[in-house]
């Protein structure tokens, strides 16, 4: 993911009683080391719980010829970003001004300093802006004479505040989930304040959307009345694809997923979702926790073999613990036909 622009600023804060101070940097001219850091940052960011959203309508209002007309508070970031994208201000000024506007938020929630890193990058035709608060930690290393020395290193595992904006999707206006931000569950108030500062309105609930997709998939498999082996293969294809997208920080695309689910009929699953009206968007942010919970229960005993998707337990399938009974409310059509033929 080539870096087009990168810039860092340092925020120093000695204690809760003392206000934070800002030391501004300049846009980097040599991005060789930044490329390596960015790759490691992306790996850490993709592994974090995240939420998706978009700028509120107020976030792009204002007259770029008059900075006094800029929207207040949470809309300010989008306004400054629009000024940068239009060429009115350079990358250094954009990042400096937005970091300055962050100072009250950080003063209110943090007692230590940090670095703010901004990266404008491009991959293929897509351009993104990444911004993150990076802390440093004490570490150790060896110098050229093999003496042990204390060093400072960036702690990429601790990403309390980090966001990525798909600039291409934003400008096309065809998505409501072009902002992705880390959800640090231990700092909910800080994350919420950061979201408001971005001017970000939550667009989709990744967990709910992923659960709906998995429900649609199970319904589709049942409607197709597939053999167990084929059902298992399709389930594995879905989970592998969804986990891969989550690892890369990219959405699940229904068109691509439909092709993987049925190569012979690549539009079948997609058409099924649309015809049944599950309310799913064409692109869905994958929720890793929901995907991890999606598995199949299976067992065999005394000539009986049973397997089913875990989320069906408590819905179309119930387990009576006291009587040790499994109750199937919706018998598969193929099985039902065989039973009827036997009885007849």
C-alpha atoms as a PDB file:
ATOM      1  CA  UNK A   1       0.000   0.000   0.000  1.00  0.00           C
ATOM      2  CA  UNK A   2       2.182   2.909  -1.249  1.00  0.00           C
ATOM      3  CA  UNK A   3       2.300   5.947   1.023  1.00  0.00           C
ATOM      4  CA  UNK A   4       1.551   9.204  -0.739  1.00  0.00           C
ATOM      5  CA  UNK A   5       1.920  11.441   2.331  1.00  0.00           C
ATOM      6  CA  UNK A   6       2.789  10.842   5.969  1.00  0.00           C
ATOM      7  CA  UNK A   7       3.168  13.197   8.907  1.00  0.00           C
ATOM      8  CA  UNK A   8       3.543  12.852  12.682  1.00  0.00           C
ATOM      9  CA  UNK A   9       2.963  15.252  15.578  1.00  0.00           C
ATOM     10  CA  UNK A  10       3.883  14.845  19.250  1.00  0.00           C
ATOM     11  CA  UNK A  11       1.586  15.659  22.135  1.00  0.00           C
ATOM     12  CA  UNK A  12       3.312  16.021  25.509  1.00  0.00           C
ATOM     13  CA  UNK A  13       1.350  15.770  28.740  1.00  0.00           C
ATOM     14  CA  UNK A  14       3.108  15.466  32.084  1.00  0.00           C
ATOM     15  CA  UNK A  15       0.101  15.031  34.377  1.00  0.00           C
ATOM     16  CA  UNK A  16      -3.644  15.588  34.745  1.00  0.00           C
ATOM     17  CA  UNK A  17      -2.963  19.025  36.231  1.00  0.00           C
ATOM     18  CA  UNK A  18      -0.832  20.269  33.350  1.00  0.00           C
ATOM     19  CA  UNK A  19      -2.255  21.039  29.883  1.00  0.00           C
ATOM     20  CA  UNK A  20      -0.973  19.149  26.883  1.00  0.00           C
ATOM     21  CA  UNK A  21       1.451  20.806  24.485  1.00  0.00           C
ATOM     22  CA  UNK A  22       1.876  20.147  20.779  1.00  0.00           C
ATOM     23  CA  UNK A  23       5.097  19.774  18.799  1.00  0.00           C
ATOM     24  CA  UNK A  24       4.344  19.691  15.071  1.00  0.00           C
ATOM     25  CA  UNK A  25       6.197  17.711  12.460  1.00  0.00           C
ATOM     26  CA  UNK A  26       6.450  18.067   8.705  1.00  0.00           C
ATOM     27  CA  UNK A  27       5.303  15.777   5.911  1.00  0.00           C
ATOM     28  CA  UNK A  28       7.877  13.021   5.474  1.00  0.00           C
ATOM     29  CA  UNK A  29       9.994  13.055   2.339  1.00  0.00           C
ATOM     30  CA  UNK A  30      11.490   9.573   2.837  1.00  0.00           C
ATOM     31  CA  UNK A  31       8.783   6.958   3.355  1.00  0.00           C
ATOM     32  CA  UNK A  32      10.940   3.796   3.186  1.00  0.00           C
ATOM     33  CA  UNK A  33      10.816   3.160   6.952  1.00  0.00           C
ATOM     34  CA  UNK A  34       7.258   4.503   7.087  1.00  0.00           C
ATOM     35  CA  UNK A  35       6.180   1.817   4.603  1.00  0.00           C
ATOM     36  CA  UNK A  36       7.439  -0.912   6.929  1.00  0.00           C
ATOM     37  CA  UNK A  37       5.837   0.703   9.970  1.00  0.00           C
ATOM     38  CA  UNK A  38       2.575   1.119   8.091  1.00  0.00           C
ATOM     39  CA  UNK A  39       2.510  -2.559   7.151  1.00  0.00           C
ATOM     40  CA  UNK A  40       2.936  -3.543  10.799  1.00  0.00           C
ATOM     41  CA  UNK A  41       0.347  -0.996  11.873  1.00  0.00           C
ATOM     42  CA  UNK A  42      -2.157  -2.410   9.377  1.00  0.00           C
ATOM     43  CA  UNK A  43      -1.627  -5.900  10.741  1.00  0.00           C
ATOM     44  CA  UNK A  44      -2.381  -4.696  14.267  1.00  0.00           C
ATOM     45  CA  UNK A  45      -5.329  -2.536  13.199  1.00  0.00           C
ATOM     46  CA  UNK A  46      -6.992  -5.360  11.272  1.00  0.00           C
ATOM     47  CA  UNK A  47      -6.874  -7.540  14.384  1.00  0.00           C
ATOM     48  CA  UNK A  48      -8.695  -5.020  16.573  1.00  0.00           C
ATOM     49  CA  UNK A  49     -12.475  -4.920  17.135  1.00  0.00           C
ATOM     50  CA  UNK A  50     -13.814  -2.196  14.866  1.00  0.00           C
ATOM     51  CA  UNK A  51     -16.924  -0.230  13.983  1.00  0.00           C
ATOM     52  CA  UNK A  52     -17.947   1.308  10.660  1.00  0.00           C
ATOM     53  CA  UNK A  53     -19.669   4.540   9.775  1.00  0.00           C
ATOM     54  CA  UNK A  54     -19.769   7.659   7.621  1.00  0.00           C
ATOM     55  CA  UNK A  55     -19.592  11.417   7.965  1.00  0.00           C
ATOM     56  CA  UNK A  56     -22.812  13.079   9.025  1.00  0.00           C
ATOM     57  CA  UNK A  57     -24.304  15.403   6.413  1.00  0.00           C
ATOM     58  CA  UNK A  58     -23.041  18.365   8.398  1.00  0.00           C
ATOM     59  CA  UNK A  59     -19.550  16.946   8.034  1.00  0.00           C
ATOM     60  CA  UNK A  60     -19.156  18.180   4.442  1.00  0.00           C
ATOM     61  CA  UNK A  61     -20.903  21.494   4.656  1.00  0.00           C
ATOM     62  CA  UNK A  62     -19.187  24.847   4.681  1.00  0.00           C
ATOM     63  CA  UNK A  63     -17.559  27.246   2.254  1.00  0.00           C
ATOM     64  CA  UNK A  64     -13.968  26.311   1.533  1.00  0.00           C
ATOM     65  CA  UNK A  65     -13.256  29.955   0.661  1.00  0.00           C
ATOM     66  CA  UNK A  66     -14.100  31.079   4.184  1.00  0.00           C
ATOM     67  CA  UNK A  67     -12.661  29.026   7.043  1.00  0.00           C
ATOM     68  CA  UNK A  68     -14.980  30.847   9.489  1.00  0.00           C
ATOM     69  CA  UNK A  69     -17.909  29.130   7.768  1.00  0.00           C
ATOM     70  CA  UNK A  70     -16.617  25.703   8.763  1.00  0.00           C
ATOM     71  CA  UNK A  71     -19.031  23.559  10.782  1.00  0.00           C
ATOM     72  CA  UNK A  72     -18.413  23.456  14.504  1.00  0.00           C
ATOM     73  CA  UNK A  73     -17.012  20.667  16.707  1.00  0.00           C
ATOM     74  CA  UNK A  74     -17.563  17.184  15.236  1.00  0.00           C
ATOM     75  CA  UNK A  75     -17.918  18.482  11.667  1.00  0.00           C
ATOM     76  CA  UNK A  76     -14.583  20.278  11.665  1.00  0.00           C
ATOM     77  CA  UNK A  77     -12.501  17.247  10.720  1.00  0.00           C
ATOM     78  CA  UNK A  78     -14.474  16.474   7.560  1.00  0.00           C
ATOM     79  CA  UNK A  79     -14.337  20.141   6.592  1.00  0.00           C
ATOM     80  CA  UNK A  80     -10.532  20.259   6.909  1.00  0.00           C
ATOM     81  CA  UNK A  81     -10.243  16.956   5.058  1.00  0.00           C
ATOM     82  CA  UNK A  82     -12.287  18.403   2.209  1.00  0.00           C
ATOM     83  CA  UNK A  83      -9.965  21.427   2.111  1.00  0.00           C
ATOM     84  CA  UNK A  84      -6.946  19.119   1.848  1.00  0.00           C
ATOM     85  CA  UNK A  85      -8.547  17.022  -0.880  1.00  0.00           C
ATOM     86  CA  UNK A  86      -9.399  20.127  -2.891  1.00  0.00           C
ATOM     87  CA  UNK A  87      -5.799  21.383  -2.677  1.00  0.00           C
ATOM     88  CA  UNK A  88      -6.607  24.398  -0.526  1.00  0.00           C
ATOM     89  CA  UNK A  89      -4.201  23.323   2.235  1.00  0.00           C
ATOM     90  CA  UNK A  90      -1.237  20.952   2.184  1.00  0.00           C
ATOM     91  CA  UNK A  91      -0.918  17.704   4.125  1.00  0.00           C
ATOM     92  CA  UNK A  92       1.223  19.193   6.898  1.00  0.00           C
ATOM     93  CA  UNK A  93      -1.274  21.998   7.579  1.00  0.00           C
ATOM     94  CA  UNK A  94      -4.236  19.622   7.417  1.00  0.00           C
ATOM     95  CA  UNK A  95      -2.729  17.236   9.968  1.00  0.00           C
ATOM     96  CA  UNK A  96      -1.516  20.071  12.207  1.00  0.00           C
ATOM     97  CA  UNK A  97      -4.899  21.785  12.324  1.00  0.00           C
ATOM     98  CA  UNK A  98      -6.785  18.576  13.009  1.00  0.00           C
ATOM     99  CA  UNK A  99      -4.328  17.576  15.746  1.00  0.00           C
ATOM    100  CA  UNK A 100      -4.720  20.992  17.360  1.00  0.00           C
ATOM    101  CA  UNK A 101      -8.469  20.451  17.450  1.00  0.00           C
ATOM    102  CA  UNK A 102      -7.860  17.122  19.227  1.00  0.00           C
ATOM    103  CA  UNK A 103      -6.061  18.715  22.159  1.00  0.00           C
ATOM    104  CA  UNK A 104      -9.153  19.413  24.329  1.00  0.00           C
ATOM    105  CA  UNK A 105     -10.338  15.826  23.868  1.00  0.00           C
ATOM    106  CA  UNK A 106      -6.970  14.360  24.873  1.00  0.00           C
ATOM    107  CA  UNK A 107      -6.630  16.752  27.799  1.00  0.00           C
ATOM    108  CA  UNK A 108      -9.987  15.586  29.103  1.00  0.00           C
ATOM    109  CA  UNK A 109      -9.376  11.838  28.779  1.00  0.00           C
ATOM    110  CA  UNK A 110      -5.625  11.146  28.949  1.00  0.00           C
ATOM    111  CA  UNK A 111      -2.877  11.798  31.466  1.00  0.00           C
ATOM    112  CA  UNK A 112       0.048  10.845  29.209  1.00  0.00           C
ATOM    113  CA  UNK A 113       1.393  12.078  25.911  1.00  0.00           C
ATOM    114  CA  UNK A 114       1.358  10.380  22.533  1.00  0.00           C
ATOM    115  CA  UNK A 115       2.219  10.719  18.863  1.00  0.00           C
ATOM    116  CA  UNK A 116      -0.410  11.271  16.169  1.00  0.00           C
ATOM    117  CA  UNK A 117       0.417   9.700  12.839  1.00  0.00           C
ATOM    118  CA  UNK A 118      -1.389  10.520   9.611  1.00  0.00           C
ATOM    119  CA  UNK A 119      -0.924   8.480   6.425  1.00  0.00           C
ATOM    120  CA  UNK A 120      -2.446   9.139   2.999  1.00  0.00           C
ATOM    121  CA  UNK A 121      -1.993   5.965   0.951  1.00  0.00           C
ATOM    122  CA  UNK A 122      -3.159   4.347  -2.271  1.00  0.00           C
ATOM    123  CA  UNK A 123      -3.766   0.737  -3.222  1.00  0.00           C
ATOM    124  CA  UNK A 124      -4.947   0.206  -6.770  1.00  0.00           C
ATOM    125  CA  UNK A 125      -7.576   2.845  -7.438  1.00  0.00           C
ATOM    126  CA  UNK A 126      -8.532   3.253  -3.772  1.00  0.00           C
ATOM    127  CA  UNK A 127      -7.074   6.029  -1.624  1.00  0.00           C
ATOM    128  CA  UNK A 128      -7.298   6.013   2.154  1.00  0.00           C
ATOM    129  CA  UNK A 129      -6.435   8.278   5.057  1.00  0.00           C
ATOM    130  CA  UNK A 130      -5.270   6.617   8.256  1.00  0.00           C
ATOM    131  CA  UNK A 131      -4.860   8.445  11.550  1.00  0.00           C
ATOM    132  CA  UNK A 132      -3.791   6.895  14.815  1.00  0.00           C
ATOM    133  CA  UNK A 133      -2.561   7.718  18.285  1.00  0.00           C
ATOM    134  CA  UNK A 134       0.708   5.864  18.854  1.00  0.00           C
ATOM    135  CA  UNK A 135       2.323   5.473  22.262  1.00  0.00           C
ATOM    136  CA  UNK A 136       5.969   4.729  22.886  1.00  0.00           C
ATOM    137  CA  UNK A 137       7.268   2.217  25.396  1.00  0.00           C
ATOM    138  CA  UNK A 138      10.639   1.449  26.931  1.00  0.00           C
ATOM    139  CA  UNK A 139      12.617  -1.301  25.275  1.00  0.00           C
ATOM    140  CA  UNK A 140      16.137  -2.620  24.905  1.00  0.00           C
ATOM    141  CA  UNK A 141      18.570  -3.216  22.067  1.00  0.00           C
ATOM    142  CA  UNK A 142      22.236  -3.622  21.208  1.00  0.00           C
ATOM    143  CA  UNK A 143      24.380  -0.870  19.760  1.00  0.00           C
ATOM    144  CA  UNK A 144      27.144  -1.360  17.143  1.00  0.00           C
ATOM    145  CA  UNK A 145      29.563  -2.409  19.880  1.00  0.00           C
ATOM    146  CA  UNK A 146      27.050  -4.976  21.193  1.00  0.00           C
ATOM    147  CA  UNK A 147      26.420  -2.994  24.344  1.00  0.00           C
ATOM    148  CA  UNK A 148      22.921  -3.254  25.750  1.00  0.00           C
ATOM    149  CA  UNK A 149      21.124   0.096  25.511  1.00  0.00           C
ATOM    150  CA  UNK A 150      17.682   1.418  26.398  1.00  0.00           C
ATOM    151  CA  UNK A 151      15.557   2.416  23.413  1.00  0.00           C
ATOM    152  CA  UNK A 152      12.117   3.838  22.814  1.00  0.00           C
ATOM    153  CA  UNK A 153       9.824   1.955  20.448  1.00  0.00           C
ATOM    154  CA  UNK A 154       6.285   2.413  19.208  1.00  0.00           C
ATOM    155  CA  UNK A 155       3.704   0.157  20.819  1.00  0.00           C
ATOM    156  CA  UNK A 156       1.561  -0.944  17.872  1.00  0.00           C
ATOM    157  CA  UNK A 157      -0.337  -3.421  20.028  1.00  0.00           C
ATOM    158  CA  UNK A 158      -1.944  -0.568  21.960  1.00  0.00           C
ATOM    159  CA  UNK A 159      -4.255   1.216  19.532  1.00  0.00           C
ATOM    160  CA  UNK A 160      -6.807   3.050  21.641  1.00  0.00           C
ATOM    161  CA  UNK A 161      -7.603   5.571  18.922  1.00  0.00           C
ATOM    162  CA  UNK A 162      -7.212   4.744  15.240  1.00  0.00           C
ATOM    163  CA  UNK A 163      -9.346   5.281  12.167  1.00  0.00           C
ATOM    164  CA  UNK A 164      -9.213   4.686   8.435  1.00  0.00           C
ATOM    165  CA  UNK A 165     -11.226   6.620   5.871  1.00  0.00           C
ATOM    166  CA  UNK A 166     -11.732   5.277   2.372  1.00  0.00           C
ATOM    167  CA  UNK A 167     -11.432   8.568   0.507  1.00  0.00           C
ATOM    168  CA  UNK A 168     -12.520   7.017  -2.784  1.00  0.00           C
ATOM    169  CA  UNK A 169     -15.781   5.640  -1.376  1.00  0.00           C
ATOM    170  CA  UNK A 170     -16.427   8.893   0.468  1.00  0.00           C
ATOM    171  CA  UNK A 171     -16.111  11.003  -2.673  1.00  0.00           C
ATOM    172  CA  UNK A 172     -18.226   8.610  -4.720  1.00  0.00           C
ATOM    173  CA  UNK A 173     -21.009   8.875  -2.161  1.00  0.00           C
ATOM    174  CA  UNK A 174     -22.062   5.241  -2.681  1.00  0.00           C
ATOM    175  CA  UNK A 175     -21.313   3.882   0.783  1.00  0.00           C
ATOM    176  CA  UNK A 176     -22.251   4.451   4.412  1.00  0.00           C
ATOM    177  CA  UNK A 177     -19.336   2.505   5.852  1.00  0.00           C
ATOM    178  CA  UNK A 178     -16.231   4.189   4.489  1.00  0.00           C
ATOM    179  CA  UNK A 179     -14.940   5.088   7.982  1.00  0.00           C
ATOM    180  CA  UNK A 180     -13.477   2.282  10.079  1.00  0.00           C
ATOM    181  CA  UNK A 181     -12.356   2.971  13.646  1.00  0.00           C
ATOM    182  CA  UNK A 182     -10.962   0.828  16.440  1.00  0.00           C
ATOM    183  CA  UNK A 183     -13.305  -0.123  19.259  1.00  0.00           C
ATOM    184  CA  UNK A 184     -11.170  -0.222  22.399  1.00  0.00           C
ATOM    185  CA  UNK A 185     -13.649  -1.713  24.855  1.00  0.00           C
ATOM    186  CA  UNK A 186     -11.574  -0.582  27.827  1.00  0.00           C
ATOM    187  CA  UNK A 187     -11.865   3.088  26.834  1.00  0.00           C
ATOM    188  CA  UNK A 188     -15.459   3.438  25.612  1.00  0.00           C
ATOM    189  CA  UNK A 189     -15.843   7.102  26.605  1.00  0.00           C
ATOM    190  CA  UNK A 190     -12.617   8.045  24.853  1.00  0.00           C
ATOM    191  CA  UNK A 191     -13.559   6.110  21.697  1.00  0.00           C
ATOM    192  CA  UNK A 192     -17.008   7.728  21.665  1.00  0.00           C
ATOM    193  CA  UNK A 193     -15.471  11.185  22.041  1.00  0.00           C
ATOM    194  CA  UNK A 194     -13.074  10.394  19.196  1.00  0.00           C
ATOM    195  CA  UNK A 195     -15.961   9.221  16.984  1.00  0.00           C
ATOM    196  CA  UNK A 196     -17.804  12.473  17.654  1.00  0.00           C
ATOM    197  CA  UNK A 197     -14.658  14.475  16.917  1.00  0.00           C
ATOM    198  CA  UNK A 198     -14.385  12.706  13.561  1.00  0.00           C
ATOM    199  CA  UNK A 199     -18.001  13.627  12.850  1.00  0.00           C
ATOM    200  CA  UNK A 200     -18.655   9.944  12.250  1.00  0.00           C
ATOM    201  CA  UNK A 201     -22.146   8.535  12.345  1.00  0.00           C
ATOM    202  CA  UNK A 202     -22.374   4.777  12.829  1.00  0.00           C
ATOM    203  CA  UNK A 203     -23.453   3.226   9.552  1.00  0.00           C
ATOM    204  CA  UNK A 204     -23.757  -0.491  10.179  1.00  0.00           C
ATOM    205  CA  UNK A 205     -23.600  -2.903  13.084  1.00  0.00           C
ATOM    206  CA  UNK A 206     -20.949  -5.387  11.960  1.00  0.00           C
ATOM    207  CA  UNK A 207     -22.069  -8.075  14.394  1.00  0.00           C
ATOM    208  CA  UNK A 208     -25.741  -7.833  13.436  1.00  0.00           C
ATOM    209  CA  UNK A 209     -24.956  -7.699   9.708  1.00  0.00           C
ATOM    210  CA  UNK A 210     -22.671 -10.727   9.931  1.00  0.00           C
ATOM    211  CA  UNK A 211     -25.298 -12.680  11.895  1.00  0.00           C
ATOM    212  CA  UNK A 212     -27.923 -11.825   9.276  1.00  0.00           C
ATOM    213  CA  UNK A 213     -25.586 -12.983   6.497  1.00  0.00           C
ATOM    214  CA  UNK A 214     -24.937 -16.289   8.269  1.00  0.00           C
ATOM    215  CA  UNK A 215     -28.670 -16.755   8.826  1.00  0.00           C
ATOM    216  CA  UNK A 216     -29.300 -16.096   5.118  1.00  0.00           C
ATOM    217  CA  UNK A 217     -26.599 -18.604   4.217  1.00  0.00           C
ATOM    218  CA  UNK A 218     -28.097 -21.321   6.439  1.00  0.00           C
ATOM    219  CA  UNK A 219     -31.555 -20.655   4.997  1.00  0.00           C
ATOM    220  CA  UNK A 220     -30.113 -20.903   1.495  1.00  0.00           C
ATOM    221  CA  UNK A 221     -28.380 -24.215   2.220  1.00  0.00           C
ATOM    222  CA  UNK A 222     -31.611 -25.606   3.680  1.00  0.00           C
ATOM    223  CA  UNK A 223     -33.646 -24.392   0.714  1.00  0.00           C
ATOM    224  CA  UNK A 224     -31.243 -26.132  -1.654  1.00  0.00           C
ATOM    225  CA  UNK A 225     -31.632 -29.357   0.355  1.00  0.00           C
ATOM    226  CA  UNK A 226     -27.944 -30.133  -0.109  1.00  0.00           C
ATOM    227  CA  UNK A 227     -26.159 -33.295   1.002  1.00  0.00           C
ATOM    228  CA  UNK A 228     -24.130 -32.980   4.203  1.00  0.00           C
ATOM    229  CA  UNK A 229     -20.758 -32.969   2.435  1.00  0.00           C
ATOM    230  CA  UNK A 230     -21.777 -30.217   0.006  1.00  0.00           C
ATOM    231  CA  UNK A 231     -23.252 -28.183   2.869  1.00  0.00           C
ATOM    232  CA  UNK A 232     -20.026 -28.486   4.846  1.00  0.00           C
ATOM    233  CA  UNK A 233     -17.901 -27.461   1.864  1.00  0.00           C
ATOM    234  CA  UNK A 234     -19.986 -24.344   1.251  1.00  0.00           C
ATOM    235  CA  UNK A 235     -19.859 -23.422   4.941  1.00  0.00           C
ATOM    236  CA  UNK A 236     -16.069 -23.739   4.938  1.00  0.00           C
ATOM    237  CA  UNK A 237     -15.851 -21.598   1.773  1.00  0.00           C
ATOM    238  CA  UNK A 238     -17.918 -18.848   3.399  1.00  0.00           C
ATOM    239  CA  UNK A 239     -15.972 -18.852   6.673  1.00  0.00           C
ATOM    240  CA  UNK A 240     -12.576 -18.930   4.936  1.00  0.00           C
ATOM    241  CA  UNK A 241     -13.533 -16.019   2.682  1.00  0.00           C
ATOM    242  CA  UNK A 242     -15.089 -13.959   5.498  1.00  0.00           C
ATOM    243  CA  UNK A 243     -12.128 -14.516   7.830  1.00  0.00           C
ATOM    244  CA  UNK A 244      -9.745 -13.585   5.028  1.00  0.00           C
ATOM    245  CA  UNK A 245     -11.594 -10.327   4.436  1.00  0.00           C
ATOM    246  CA  UNK A 246     -11.604  -9.583   8.165  1.00  0.00           C
ATOM    247  CA  UNK A 247      -7.860 -10.199   8.352  1.00  0.00           C
ATOM    248  CA  UNK A 248      -7.267  -7.763   5.477  1.00  0.00           C
ATOM    249  CA  UNK A 249      -9.672  -5.225   6.930  1.00  0.00           C
ATOM    250  CA  UNK A 250     -11.922  -5.416   3.875  1.00  0.00           C
ATOM    251  CA  UNK A 251     -15.698  -5.968   3.621  1.00  0.00           C
ATOM    252  CA  UNK A 252     -17.497  -9.125   2.560  1.00  0.00           C
ATOM    253  CA  UNK A 253     -18.791  -8.547  -0.965  1.00  0.00           C
ATOM    254  CA  UNK A 254     -21.968 -10.478  -1.726  1.00  0.00           C
ATOM    255  CA  UNK A 255     -21.067 -10.894  -5.416  1.00  0.00           C
ATOM    256  CA  UNK A 256     -17.713 -12.489  -4.573  1.00  0.00           C
ATOM    257  CA  UNK A 257     -19.201 -14.628  -1.817  1.00  0.00           C
ATOM    258  CA  UNK A 258     -21.975 -15.877  -4.097  1.00  0.00           C
ATOM    259  CA  UNK A 259     -19.403 -17.050  -6.641  1.00  0.00           C
ATOM    260  CA  UNK A 260     -17.510 -18.953  -3.949  1.00  0.00           C
ATOM    261  CA  UNK A 261     -20.632 -20.579  -2.531  1.00  0.00           C
ATOM    262  CA  UNK A 262     -21.696 -21.994  -5.906  1.00  0.00           C
ATOM    263  CA  UNK A 263     -19.221 -21.871  -8.779  1.00  0.00           C
ATOM    264  CA  UNK A 264     -21.699 -23.517 -11.145  1.00  0.00           C
ATOM    265  CA  UNK A 265     -24.351 -20.891 -10.374  1.00  0.00           C
ATOM    266  CA  UNK A 266     -22.364 -17.848  -9.216  1.00  0.00           C
ATOM    267  CA  UNK A 267     -25.423 -15.595  -8.846  1.00  0.00           C
ATOM    268  CA  UNK A 268     -27.653 -18.100  -7.038  1.00  0.00           C
ATOM    269  CA  UNK A 269     -26.842 -17.109  -3.439  1.00  0.00           C
ATOM    270  CA  UNK A 270     -26.831 -13.405  -4.302  1.00  0.00           C
ATOM    271  CA  UNK A 271     -30.256 -13.674  -5.960  1.00  0.00           C
ATOM    272  CA  UNK A 272     -31.585 -15.679  -3.018  1.00  0.00           C
ATOM    273  CA  UNK A 273     -30.597 -12.923  -0.582  1.00  0.00           C
ATOM    274  CA  UNK A 274     -32.216 -10.246  -2.726  1.00  0.00           C
ATOM    275  CA  UNK A 275     -35.423 -12.238  -3.331  1.00  0.00           C
ATOM    276  CA  UNK A 276     -35.836 -13.035   0.370  1.00  0.00           C
ATOM    277  CA  UNK A 277     -35.189  -9.397   1.328  1.00  0.00           C
ATOM    278  CA  UNK A 278     -32.784  -9.839   4.225  1.00  0.00           C
ATOM    279  CA  UNK A 279     -31.943  -6.141   4.068  1.00  0.00           C
ATOM    280  CA  UNK A 280     -28.232  -6.738   3.513  1.00  0.00           C
ATOM    281  CA  UNK A 281     -26.031  -4.227   1.739  1.00  0.00           C
ATOM    282  CA  UNK A 282     -23.829  -5.271  -1.172  1.00  0.00           C
ATOM    283  CA  UNK A 283     -20.801  -4.999   1.134  1.00  0.00           C
ATOM    284  CA  UNK A 284     -20.801  -6.170   4.746  1.00  0.00           C
ATOM    285  CA  UNK A 285     -18.097  -5.501   7.351  1.00  0.00           C
ATOM    286  CA  UNK A 286     -17.141  -8.897   8.811  1.00  0.00           C
ATOM    287  CA  UNK A 287     -17.329  -9.358  12.577  1.00  0.00           C
ATOM    288  CA  UNK A 288     -14.616 -11.787  13.658  1.00  0.00           C
ATOM    289  CA  UNK A 289     -16.290 -12.764  16.930  1.00  0.00           C
ATOM    290  CA  UNK A 290     -19.542 -13.685  15.181  1.00  0.00           C
ATOM    291  CA  UNK A 291     -17.632 -15.687  12.579  1.00  0.00           C
ATOM    292  CA  UNK A 292     -15.744 -17.594  15.264  1.00  0.00           C
ATOM    293  CA  UNK A 293     -19.041 -18.616  16.860  1.00  0.00           C
ATOM    294  CA  UNK A 294     -20.417 -19.947  13.588  1.00  0.00           C
ATOM    295  CA  UNK A 295     -19.701 -23.665  13.500  1.00  0.00           C
ATOM    296  CA  UNK A 296     -21.463 -26.938  13.015  1.00  0.00           C
ATOM    297  CA  UNK A 297     -22.489 -29.360  15.731  1.00  0.00           C
ATOM    298  CA  UNK A 298     -22.119 -32.955  14.641  1.00  0.00           C
ATOM    299  CA  UNK A 299     -22.484 -36.389  16.187  1.00  0.00           C
ATOM    300  CA  UNK A 300     -23.047 -40.018  15.313  1.00  0.00           C
ATOM    301  CA  UNK A 301     -24.419 -42.851  17.471  1.00  0.00           C
ATOM    302  CA  UNK A 302     -26.479 -46.041  16.995  1.00  0.00           C
ATOM    303  CA  UNK A 303     -26.958 -45.507  13.275  1.00  0.00           C
ATOM    304  CA  UNK A 304     -27.985 -41.847  13.645  1.00  0.00           C
ATOM    305  CA  UNK A 305     -25.825 -39.059  12.178  1.00  0.00           C
ATOM    306  CA  UNK A 306     -26.806 -35.444  12.919  1.00  0.00           C
ATOM    307  CA  UNK A 307     -25.103 -32.143  12.100  1.00  0.00           C
ATOM    308  CA  UNK A 308     -26.390 -28.575  12.031  1.00  0.00           C
ATOM    309  CA  UNK A 309     -25.189 -24.967  12.179  1.00  0.00           C
ATOM    310  CA  UNK A 310     -24.694 -23.791  15.758  1.00  0.00           C
ATOM    311  CA  UNK A 311     -26.924 -20.735  15.452  1.00  0.00           C
ATOM    312  CA  UNK A 312     -29.945 -22.979  14.755  1.00  0.00           C
ATOM    313  CA  UNK A 313     -29.806 -24.259  18.338  1.00  0.00           C
ATOM    314  CA  UNK A 314     -32.604 -22.546  20.223  1.00  0.00           C
ATOM    315  CA  UNK A 315     -34.467 -21.683  17.028  1.00  0.00           C
ATOM    316  CA  UNK A 316     -35.417 -24.461  14.635  1.00  0.00           C
ATOM    317  CA  UNK A 317     -33.563 -26.990  16.800  1.00  0.00           C
ATOM    318  CA  UNK A 318     -33.980 -27.397  20.569  1.00  0.00           C
ATOM    319  CA  UNK A 319     -32.228 -29.591  23.078  1.00  0.00           C
ATOM    320  CA  UNK A 320     -34.228 -30.929  26.037  1.00  0.00           C
ATOM    321  CA  UNK A 321     -31.546 -31.484  28.658  1.00  0.00           C
ATOM    322  CA  UNK A 322     -33.848 -33.191  31.166  1.00  0.00           C
ATOM    323  CA  UNK A 323     -35.097 -35.808  28.697  1.00  0.00           C
ATOM    324  CA  UNK A 324     -31.930 -35.861  26.579  1.00  0.00           C
ATOM    325  CA  UNK A 325     -33.888 -35.141  23.408  1.00  0.00           C
ATOM    326  CA  UNK A 326     -33.053 -33.150  20.312  1.00  0.00           C
ATOM    327  CA  UNK A 327     -36.151 -31.557  18.804  1.00  0.00           C
ATOM    328  CA  UNK A 328     -36.028 -30.620  15.108  1.00  0.00           C
ATOM    329  CA  UNK A 329     -38.792 -28.186  14.210  1.00  0.00           C
ATOM    330  CA  UNK A 330     -38.069 -27.890  10.505  1.00  0.00           C
ATOM    331  CA  UNK A 331     -37.340 -31.300   9.002  1.00  0.00           C
ATOM    332  CA  UNK A 332     -35.263 -31.108   5.789  1.00  0.00           C
ATOM    333  CA  UNK A 333     -37.411 -31.716   2.720  1.00  0.00           C
ATOM    334  CA  UNK A 334     -35.261 -34.556   1.402  1.00  0.00           C
ATOM    335  CA  UNK A 335     -35.420 -36.379   4.733  1.00  0.00           C
ATOM    336  CA  UNK A 336     -39.134 -35.728   5.022  1.00  0.00           C
ATOM    337  CA  UNK A 337     -39.782 -37.238   1.554  1.00  0.00           C
ATOM    338  CA  UNK A 338     -37.795 -40.362   2.437  1.00  0.00           C
ATOM    339  CA  UNK A 339     -39.746 -40.849   5.661  1.00  0.00           C
ATOM    340  CA  UNK A 340     -43.077 -40.396   3.860  1.00  0.00           C
ATOM    341  CA  UNK A 341     -42.057 -42.899   1.196  1.00  0.00           C
ATOM    342  CA  UNK A 342     -41.113 -45.403   3.877  1.00  0.00           C
ATOM    343  CA  UNK A 343     -44.404 -44.949   5.723  1.00  0.00           C
ATOM    344  CA  UNK A 344     -46.356 -45.250   2.463  1.00  0.00           C
END
